[in-house]
Each structure stands twice: as structure tokens, then as C-alpha cells.
Amino acid sequence: MLTFDDFSDVPTIPLDDQVHGALRALTWAYEEYEEEIVYACSFGIEGIVLIDLISKVKADAKIVFLDTNVHFKETYETIEKVEKMYPQLQIELKQPHLTLEEQAKSYGEELWKLNPNQCCQIRKMNPLNEVLTGKIAWISGLRRQQSPTRAKTEFINKDDKFKSVKVCPLIHWTWKEVWQYVSKYDLPYNPLHDQGYPSIGCEKCTIPSWTQDDLRAGRWQGEQKTECGLHG
């Protein structure tokens, strides 16, 4: 079994086209790790595509959403639609240890403004650490086109941050191809995408962004910050 500590003989995933490449990566991942792999999903448009692909490989796969309690209502509504469409999937809304009220008492009101890195740590990173503890591998919806920091992502990656193997089936997909897939199969998706939000995170830290040059340009405006910390 391929692990973080023995990251050798990494298999080559054939890429006939984007869909088959993603399905091959997922098939390998679930055959390799079985119950020891989890998909950490944000339920953005890439997540919707991955959920549909995963359902074709493993109908009862484990999917975790890091519920910071400050997501858009549209995001929660999208999750409900997905749960109805794929009833066998094991979807967990992972909660942070601190409620928003407890966080405000300990760190001040609106921590996402005062210290967004600390807020992400408390509400996203710590819960994800708990999710991945004991898991050999996890699945992510990263695409190379999303940003310069993701341009060299491979199908199978050694994840130094979480000491695990990170599988990224959508690395070769373009924004257009993601949307073509969603349209072709009439999949439910977050309506905020239609309102200028290419990347959707917490409501407090995400604004519309109409540029296609950097699909994460609407995240953490005014801060020298492009990632919440999940991907380095």
C-alpha cells in the first residue's frame, strides 16, 4: 500500500480524457485504501463533479464537509440537495470544537477580520486534522488551473502537511469542462456560482469575483492570503 512513509512506486494514472482519468484515479484510490480514505469536500462546483464521480466508484463513500458555521445559506441548501440525490453517501458536517460565541469570548468578535489565519485554524484546520487522523489518504478537488500555487499538483501527491497521501482526480480539468459536466448530467450546484463566485468559502471571507484569471481572487480580499491552510 502506498503511504506517506513509503511514498515509492507511485502508479501512473492513464489520461485518455478528463473524465476517464478522474475515474481511474478514484478507482485506484478506493481499491488501494478502501475505508481508509476520505473526501474532504467544500461543495463548490468541483466538489459536485467529484461527488458524482465518486458515487460511480463507491456509492457509500465517506465525505466530510468542514462546517465552520459561517458558510452561506446557499451552501447548506446545496448539501441538502446532494444528500437527497446520493442517499448512500456518508456525508458528515464536521464541527469545530468552539462555537462562534465561545470563539468570540476567547479571541474577540469577528476573528475572521482580526486574524483570518487563526480563524481558519480553529474552524477548518483543527477539524480537518481530526478527520484525517488515522487516515492514510484523502481526496481533494484541486485543479491545476485554479491558481499558481496548484499548478504542479499531481493525481497522487505526498502531503507533507497532513503526513498522508492526497489524491486529486480533477487536476487536468478546466473551469469550462467542470461546468460542461455539471450541465450534461444536470447536477445540483451552489447558485452563488451564477452570481460571480467562482470559489465559495465562508460567507465572512468571500466576495464575488468576475475574473477568470485567478478563480480564487474573491477569497480573503485585502489580506495577503490565498489559502485557508488545507493545501499548504
C-alpha atoms as a PDB file:
ATOM      1  CA  MET A   1       0.000   0.000   0.000  1.00  0.00           C
ATOM      2  CA  LEU A   2       1.262   3.452  -0.895  1.00  0.00           C
ATOM      3  CA  THR A   3       1.705   5.536   2.256  1.00  0.00           C
ATOM      4  CA  PHE A   4       3.311   8.803   3.298  1.00  0.00           C
ATOM      5  CA  ASP A   5       6.224   6.968   4.901  1.00  0.00           C
ATOM      6  CA  ASP A   6       6.671   4.688   1.902  1.00  0.00           C
ATOM      7  CA  PHE A   7       5.918   7.006  -0.987  1.00  0.00           C
ATOM      8  CA  SER A   8       7.585   4.968  -3.722  1.00  0.00           C
ATOM      9  CA  ASP A   9       6.424   3.175  -6.856  1.00  0.00           C
ATOM     10  CA  VAL A  10       3.683   5.745  -7.327  1.00  0.00           C
ATOM     11  CA  PRO A  11       1.325   4.408 -10.000  1.00  0.00           C
ATOM     12  CA  THR A  12       0.864   6.298 -13.254  1.00  0.00           C
ATOM     13  CA  ILE A  13      -2.765   7.157 -13.928  1.00  0.00           C
ATOM     14  CA  PRO A  14      -3.559   6.983 -17.678  1.00  0.00           C
ATOM     15  CA  LEU A  15      -5.243  10.093 -19.048  1.00  0.00           C
ATOM     16  CA  ASP A  16      -7.359   9.300 -22.102  1.00  0.00           C
ATOM     17  CA  ASP A  17      -9.599  12.223 -21.230  1.00  0.00           C
ATOM     18  CA  GLN A  18     -10.530  14.170 -18.114  1.00  0.00           C
ATOM     19  CA  VAL A  19     -13.476  12.018 -17.052  1.00  0.00           C
ATOM     20  CA  HIS A  20     -11.767   8.662 -17.507  1.00  0.00           C
ATOM     21  CA  GLY A  21      -8.588   9.974 -15.889  1.00  0.00           C
ATOM     22  CA  ALA A  22     -10.536  11.074 -12.823  1.00  0.00           C
ATOM     23  CA  LEU A  23     -12.430   7.780 -12.628  1.00  0.00           C
ATOM     24  CA  ARG A  24      -9.187   5.809 -12.893  1.00  0.00           C
ATOM     25  CA  ALA A  25      -7.640   7.865 -10.088  1.00  0.00           C
ATOM     26  CA  LEU A  26     -10.696   7.309  -7.897  1.00  0.00           C
ATOM     27  CA  THR A  27     -10.904   3.607  -8.694  1.00  0.00           C
ATOM     28  CA  TRP A  28      -7.248   3.180  -7.768  1.00  0.00           C
ATOM     29  CA  ALA A  29      -7.733   5.186  -4.569  1.00  0.00           C
ATOM     30  CA  TYR A  30     -10.699   3.190  -3.276  1.00  0.00           C
ATOM     31  CA  GLU A  31      -9.145  -0.145  -4.242  1.00  0.00           C
ATOM     32  CA  GLU A  32      -5.880   0.873  -2.567  1.00  0.00           C
ATOM     33  CA  TYR A  33      -7.289   2.351   0.650  1.00  0.00           C
ATOM     34  CA  GLU A  34     -10.868   1.061   0.937  1.00  0.00           C
ATOM     35  CA  GLU A  35     -12.272   2.592   4.148  1.00  0.00           C
ATOM     36  CA  GLU A  36      -9.037   4.395   4.985  1.00  0.00           C
ATOM     37  CA  ILE A  37      -9.636   7.250   2.551  1.00  0.00           C
ATOM     38  CA  VAL A  38     -11.988  10.198   2.928  1.00  0.00           C
ATOM     39  CA  TYR A  39     -13.070  13.036   0.660  1.00  0.00           C
ATOM     40  CA  ALA A  40     -12.893  16.487   2.259  1.00  0.00           C
ATOM     41  CA  CYS A  41     -15.452  18.401   0.186  1.00  0.00           C
ATOM     42  CA  SER A  42     -16.262  22.124   0.114  1.00  0.00           C
ATOM     43  CA  PHE A  43     -19.371  21.559  -2.042  1.00  0.00           C
ATOM     44  CA  GLY A  44     -18.181  24.063  -4.610  1.00  0.00           C
ATOM     45  CA  ILE A  45     -18.617  23.255  -8.286  1.00  0.00           C
ATOM     46  CA  GLU A  46     -15.565  20.969  -8.395  1.00  0.00           C
ATOM     47  CA  GLY A  47     -16.901  19.162  -5.364  1.00  0.00           C
ATOM     48  CA  ILE A  48     -20.189  18.476  -7.108  1.00  0.00           C
ATOM     49  CA  VAL A  49     -18.351  16.891 -10.032  1.00  0.00           C
ATOM     50  CA  LEU A  50     -16.195  14.788  -7.706  1.00  0.00           C
ATOM     51  CA  ILE A  51     -19.179  13.622  -5.687  1.00  0.00           C
ATOM     52  CA  ASP A  52     -20.884  12.393  -8.833  1.00  0.00           C
ATOM     53  CA  LEU A  53     -17.716  10.612  -9.997  1.00  0.00           C
ATOM     54  CA  ILE A  54     -17.119   9.107  -6.555  1.00  0.00           C
ATOM     55  CA  SER A  55     -20.700   7.803  -6.456  1.00  0.00           C
ATOM     56  CA  LYS A  56     -19.948   5.777  -9.610  1.00  0.00           C
ATOM     57  CA  VAL A  57     -16.928   4.156  -7.955  1.00  0.00           C
ATOM     58  CA  LYS A  58     -18.099   3.818  -4.338  1.00  0.00           C
ATOM     59  CA  ALA A  59     -21.743   4.647  -3.675  1.00  0.00           C
ATOM     60  CA  ASP A  60     -21.323   4.729   0.128  1.00  0.00           C
ATOM     61  CA  ALA A  61     -18.090   6.732   0.244  1.00  0.00           C
ATOM     62  CA  LYS A  62     -17.237   8.923   3.221  1.00  0.00           C
ATOM     63  CA  ILE A  63     -17.480  12.646   2.519  1.00  0.00           C
ATOM     64  CA  VAL A  64     -16.682  15.314   5.088  1.00  0.00           C
ATOM     65  CA  PHE A  65     -17.680  18.970   4.944  1.00  0.00           C
ATOM     66  CA  LEU A  66     -15.830  21.296   7.318  1.00  0.00           C
ATOM     67  CA  ASP A  67     -18.778  23.191   8.754  1.00  0.00           C
ATOM     68  CA  THR A  68     -17.366  26.433  10.111  1.00  0.00           C
ATOM     69  CA  ASN A  69     -20.895  27.624  10.976  1.00  0.00           C
ATOM     70  CA  VAL A  70     -20.295  30.734   8.846  1.00  0.00           C
ATOM     71  CA  HIS A  71     -20.954  29.314   5.392  1.00  0.00           C
ATOM     72  CA  PHE A  72     -23.524  30.818   3.049  1.00  0.00           C
ATOM     73  CA  LYS A  73     -27.072  29.514   3.421  1.00  0.00           C
ATOM     74  CA  GLU A  74     -26.865  28.536  -0.248  1.00  0.00           C
ATOM     75  CA  THR A  75     -24.023  26.166   0.606  1.00  0.00           C
ATOM     76  CA  TYR A  76     -26.079  24.373   3.232  1.00  0.00           C
ATOM     77  CA  GLU A  77     -29.018  24.172   0.826  1.00  0.00           C
ATOM     78  CA  THR A  78     -26.736  22.640  -1.800  1.00  0.00           C
ATOM     79  CA  ILE A  79     -25.588  19.977   0.665  1.00  0.00           C
ATOM     80  CA  GLU A  80     -29.225  19.063   1.343  1.00  0.00           C
ATOM     81  CA  LYS A  81     -29.861  18.620  -2.395  1.00  0.00           C
ATOM     82  CA  VAL A  82     -26.773  16.434  -2.745  1.00  0.00           C
ATOM     83  CA  GLU A  83     -27.840  14.268   0.201  1.00  0.00           C
ATOM     84  CA  LYS A  84     -31.186  13.627  -1.492  1.00  0.00           C
ATOM     85  CA  MET A  85     -29.565  12.823  -4.845  1.00  0.00           C
ATOM     86  CA  TYR A  86     -26.969  10.426  -3.381  1.00  0.00           C
ATOM     87  CA  PRO A  87     -28.645   8.873  -0.319  1.00  0.00           C
ATOM     88  CA  GLN A  88     -25.990   6.183   0.154  1.00  0.00           C
ATOM     89  CA  LEU A  89     -23.099   8.596   0.582  1.00  0.00           C
ATOM     90  CA  GLN A  90     -21.908   9.064   4.171  1.00  0.00           C
ATOM     91  CA  ILE A  91     -21.850  12.869   4.389  1.00  0.00           C
ATOM     92  CA  GLU A  92     -20.622  14.318   7.690  1.00  0.00           C
ATOM     93  CA  LEU A  93     -20.751  18.008   8.630  1.00  0.00           C
ATOM     94  CA  LYS A  94     -17.660  18.228  10.819  1.00  0.00           C
ATOM     95  CA  GLN A  95     -17.977  20.890  13.533  1.00  0.00           C
ATOM     96  CA  PRO A  96     -15.189  22.907  15.216  1.00  0.00           C
ATOM     97  CA  HIS A  97     -14.830  22.491  18.964  1.00  0.00           C
ATOM     98  CA  LEU A  98     -15.606  26.153  19.624  1.00  0.00           C
ATOM     99  CA  THR A  99     -18.986  27.659  18.859  1.00  0.00           C
ATOM    100  CA  LEU A 100     -18.946  31.147  17.374  1.00  0.00           C
ATOM    101  CA  GLU A 101     -19.949  32.534  20.768  1.00  0.00           C
ATOM    102  CA  GLU A 102     -17.118  30.693  22.539  1.00  0.00           C
ATOM    103  CA  GLN A 103     -14.643  31.844  19.904  1.00  0.00           C
ATOM    104  CA  ALA A 104     -15.757  35.457  20.336  1.00  0.00           C
ATOM    105  CA  LYS A 105     -15.247  35.257  24.103  1.00  0.00           C
ATOM    106  CA  SER A 106     -11.773  33.774  23.778  1.00  0.00           C
ATOM    107  CA  TYR A 107     -10.422  35.627  20.746  1.00  0.00           C
ATOM    108  CA  GLY A 108     -12.671  38.620  20.180  1.00  0.00           C
ATOM    109  CA  GLU A 109     -15.588  39.372  17.900  1.00  0.00           C
ATOM    110  CA  GLU A 110     -15.189  38.758  14.167  1.00  0.00           C
ATOM    111  CA  LEU A 111     -11.899  36.871  14.381  1.00  0.00           C
ATOM    112  CA  TRP A 112     -12.081  36.386  10.612  1.00  0.00           C
ATOM    113  CA  LYS A 113     -11.300  40.113  10.354  1.00  0.00           C
ATOM    114  CA  LEU A 114      -8.815  40.393  13.204  1.00  0.00           C
ATOM    115  CA  ASN A 115      -6.810  37.269  12.389  1.00  0.00           C
ATOM    116  CA  PRO A 116      -8.139  35.212   9.459  1.00  0.00           C
ATOM    117  CA  ASN A 117      -5.339  32.658   9.739  1.00  0.00           C
ATOM    118  CA  GLN A 118      -6.247  31.912  13.341  1.00  0.00           C
ATOM    119  CA  CYS A 119      -9.939  31.726  12.435  1.00  0.00           C
ATOM    120  CA  CYS A 120      -9.175  29.203   9.669  1.00  0.00           C
ATOM    121  CA  GLN A 121      -7.036  27.233  12.084  1.00  0.00           C
ATOM    122  CA  ILE A 122      -9.808  26.979  14.665  1.00  0.00           C
ATOM    123  CA  ARG A 123     -12.745  26.415  12.353  1.00  0.00           C
ATOM    124  CA  LYS A 124     -11.194  24.457   9.469  1.00  0.00           C
ATOM    125  CA  MET A 125      -7.687  23.180  10.082  1.00  0.00           C
ATOM    126  CA  ASN A 126      -8.204  21.698  13.545  1.00  0.00           C
ATOM    127  CA  PRO A 127     -11.377  19.842  12.462  1.00  0.00           C
ATOM    128  CA  LEU A 128      -9.632  18.572   9.321  1.00  0.00           C
ATOM    129  CA  ASN A 129      -6.727  17.317  11.419  1.00  0.00           C
ATOM    130  CA  GLU A 130      -9.232  15.305  13.436  1.00  0.00           C
ATOM    131  CA  VAL A 131     -10.847  13.939  10.273  1.00  0.00           C
ATOM    132  CA  LEU A 132      -7.519  12.860   8.779  1.00  0.00           C
ATOM    133  CA  THR A 133      -6.039  11.405  11.958  1.00  0.00           C
ATOM    134  CA  GLY A 134      -5.573   7.730  11.290  1.00  0.00           C
ATOM    135  CA  LYS A 135      -6.441   8.068   7.612  1.00  0.00           C
ATOM    136  CA  ILE A 136      -3.739   7.031   5.182  1.00  0.00           C
ATOM    137  CA  ALA A 137      -5.123   9.079   2.297  1.00  0.00           C
ATOM    138  CA  TRP A 138      -7.651  11.730   1.381  1.00  0.00           C
ATOM    139  CA  ILE A 139      -9.256  13.085  -1.775  1.00  0.00           C
ATOM    140  CA  SER A 140      -9.246  16.719  -2.844  1.00  0.00           C
ATOM    141  CA  GLY A 141     -10.857  18.622  -5.716  1.00  0.00           C
ATOM    142  CA  LEU A 142      -7.765  20.670  -6.553  1.00  0.00           C
ATOM    143  CA  ARG A 143      -7.282  21.648 -10.205  1.00  0.00           C
ATOM    144  CA  ARG A 144      -4.078  22.968 -11.699  1.00  0.00           C
ATOM    145  CA  GLN A 145      -5.930  25.835 -13.369  1.00  0.00           C
ATOM    146  CA  GLN A 146      -7.270  27.213 -10.081  1.00  0.00           C
ATOM    147  CA  SER A 147      -4.189  29.170  -9.039  1.00  0.00           C
ATOM    148  CA  PRO A 148      -0.397  29.323  -9.436  1.00  0.00           C
ATOM    149  CA  THR A 149       0.056  27.501  -6.104  1.00  0.00           C
ATOM    150  CA  ARG A 150      -1.815  24.487  -7.502  1.00  0.00           C
ATOM    151  CA  ALA A 151      -0.251  24.379 -10.974  1.00  0.00           C
ATOM    152  CA  LYS A 152       2.031  21.404 -10.246  1.00  0.00           C
ATOM    153  CA  THR A 153      -0.469  19.209  -8.413  1.00  0.00           C
ATOM    154  CA  GLU A 154      -0.400  15.550  -9.472  1.00  0.00           C
ATOM    155  CA  PHE A 155      -3.037  12.811  -9.364  1.00  0.00           C
ATOM    156  CA  ILE A 156      -1.264  11.285  -6.363  1.00  0.00           C
ATOM    157  CA  ASN A 157       0.652  13.566  -4.004  1.00  0.00           C
ATOM    158  CA  LYS A 158       2.755  13.227  -0.889  1.00  0.00           C
ATOM    159  CA  ASP A 159       1.029  15.534   1.581  1.00  0.00           C
ATOM    160  CA  ASP A 160       3.683  16.863   3.959  1.00  0.00           C
ATOM    161  CA  LYS A 161       1.178  18.938   5.919  1.00  0.00           C
ATOM    162  CA  PHE A 162      -1.019  16.029   6.997  1.00  0.00           C
ATOM    163  CA  LYS A 163       1.560  13.235   6.587  1.00  0.00           C
ATOM    164  CA  SER A 164      -0.737  11.399   4.216  1.00  0.00           C
ATOM    165  CA  VAL A 165      -1.359  10.713   0.533  1.00  0.00           C
ATOM    166  CA  LYS A 166      -3.540  13.267  -1.258  1.00  0.00           C
ATOM    167  CA  VAL A 167      -5.414  12.109  -4.348  1.00  0.00           C
ATOM    168  CA  CYS A 168      -6.536  14.838  -6.758  1.00  0.00           C
ATOM    169  CA  PRO A 169      -8.617  13.366  -9.607  1.00  0.00           C
ATOM    170  CA  LEU A 170      -9.525  16.695 -11.263  1.00  0.00           C
ATOM    171  CA  ILE A 171      -6.061  18.176 -11.831  1.00  0.00           C
ATOM    172  CA  HIS A 172      -6.411  18.341 -15.627  1.00  0.00           C
ATOM    173  CA  TRP A 173      -9.964  19.708 -15.717  1.00  0.00           C
ATOM    174  CA  THR A 174     -10.589  23.252 -16.894  1.00  0.00           C
ATOM    175  CA  TRP A 175     -13.267  25.533 -15.485  1.00  0.00           C
ATOM    176  CA  LYS A 176     -15.231  25.067 -18.723  1.00  0.00           C
ATOM    177  CA  GLU A 177     -15.017  21.279 -18.535  1.00  0.00           C
ATOM    178  CA  VAL A 178     -16.235  21.277 -14.939  1.00  0.00           C
ATOM    179  CA  TRP A 179     -19.308  23.231 -15.951  1.00  0.00           C
ATOM    180  CA  GLN A 180     -19.908  21.116 -19.041  1.00  0.00           C
ATOM    181  CA  TYR A 181     -20.007  18.012 -16.851  1.00  0.00           C
ATOM    182  CA  VAL A 182     -22.434  19.588 -14.375  1.00  0.00           C
ATOM    183  CA  SER A 183     -24.686  20.730 -17.217  1.00  0.00           C
ATOM    184  CA  LYS A 184     -24.556  17.400 -19.052  1.00  0.00           C
ATOM    185  CA  TYR A 185     -25.742  15.444 -16.012  1.00  0.00           C
ATOM    186  CA  ASP A 186     -27.984  18.199 -14.580  1.00  0.00           C
ATOM    187  CA  LEU A 187     -26.239  18.135 -11.203  1.00  0.00           C
ATOM    188  CA  PRO A 188     -27.320  20.407  -8.328  1.00  0.00           C
ATOM    189  CA  TYR A 189     -24.818  23.158  -7.521  1.00  0.00           C
ATOM    190  CA  ASN A 190     -24.439  26.258  -5.389  1.00  0.00           C
ATOM    191  CA  PRO A 191     -26.381  29.112  -7.053  1.00  0.00           C
ATOM    192  CA  LEU A 192     -23.736  31.587  -5.841  1.00  0.00           C
ATOM    193  CA  HIS A 193     -21.619  30.382  -8.755  1.00  0.00           C
ATOM    194  CA  ASP A 194     -24.123  32.137 -11.015  1.00  0.00           C
ATOM    195  CA  GLN A 195     -23.677  35.364  -9.050  1.00  0.00           C
ATOM    196  CA  GLY A 196     -19.943  35.812  -9.633  1.00  0.00           C
ATOM    197  CA  TYR A 197     -18.491  33.475  -7.011  1.00  0.00           C
ATOM    198  CA  PRO A 198     -16.095  31.051  -8.755  1.00  0.00           C
ATOM    199  CA  SER A 199     -14.678  29.921  -5.394  1.00  0.00           C
ATOM    200  CA  ILE A 200     -17.027  29.742  -2.409  1.00  0.00           C
ATOM    201  CA  GLY A 201     -15.750  29.617   1.147  1.00  0.00           C
ATOM    202  CA  CYS A 202     -17.077  31.141   4.356  1.00  0.00           C
ATOM    203  CA  GLU A 203     -19.545  33.963   3.977  1.00  0.00           C
ATOM    204  CA  LYS A 204     -17.371  36.324   6.027  1.00  0.00           C
ATOM    205  CA  CYS A 205     -14.320  35.925   3.780  1.00  0.00           C
ATOM    206  CA  THR A 206     -15.727  35.537   0.272  1.00  0.00           C
ATOM    207  CA  ILE A 207     -16.940  38.176  -2.178  1.00  0.00           C
ATOM    208  CA  PRO A 208     -17.873  37.956  -5.878  1.00  0.00           C
ATOM    209  CA  SER A 209     -15.034  37.906  -8.357  1.00  0.00           C
ATOM    210  CA  TRP A 210     -15.667  38.072 -12.053  1.00  0.00           C
ATOM    211  CA  THR A 211     -12.114  37.367 -13.202  1.00  0.00           C
ATOM    212  CA  GLN A 212     -11.232  34.005 -14.729  1.00  0.00           C
ATOM    213  CA  ASP A 213      -7.501  34.707 -14.442  1.00  0.00           C
ATOM    214  CA  ASP A 214      -7.457  33.730 -10.799  1.00  0.00           C
ATOM    215  CA  LEU A 215     -10.532  31.743  -9.773  1.00  0.00           C
ATOM    216  CA  ARG A 216      -9.777  32.315  -6.071  1.00  0.00           C
ATOM    217  CA  ALA A 217      -9.468  36.101  -6.343  1.00  0.00           C
ATOM    218  CA  GLY A 218     -12.623  36.651  -4.309  1.00  0.00           C
ATOM    219  CA  ARG A 219     -11.262  34.949  -1.201  1.00  0.00           C
ATOM    220  CA  TRP A 220      -9.793  36.954   1.746  1.00  0.00           C
ATOM    221  CA  GLN A 221      -9.891  40.310  -0.022  1.00  0.00           C
ATOM    222  CA  GLY A 222      -7.426  42.828   1.407  1.00  0.00           C
ATOM    223  CA  GLU A 223      -5.303  40.112   3.022  1.00  0.00           C
ATOM    224  CA  GLN A 224      -2.011  38.583   1.884  1.00  0.00           C
ATOM    225  CA  LYS A 225      -3.734  35.243   1.962  1.00  0.00           C
ATOM    226  CA  THR A 226      -4.787  32.862  -0.804  1.00  0.00           C
ATOM    227  CA  GLU A 227      -5.280  29.574   1.050  1.00  0.00           C
ATOM    228  CA  CYS A 228      -7.042  28.593   4.251  1.00  0.00           C
ATOM    229  CA  GLY A 229      -4.179  26.206   5.002  1.00  0.00           C
ATOM    230  CA  LEU A 230      -5.621  22.894   3.846  1.00  0.00           C
ATOM    231  CA  HIS A 231      -3.294  22.678   0.864  1.00  0.00           C
ATOM    232  CA  GLY A 232      -0.090  24.232   2.123  1.00  0.00           C
END
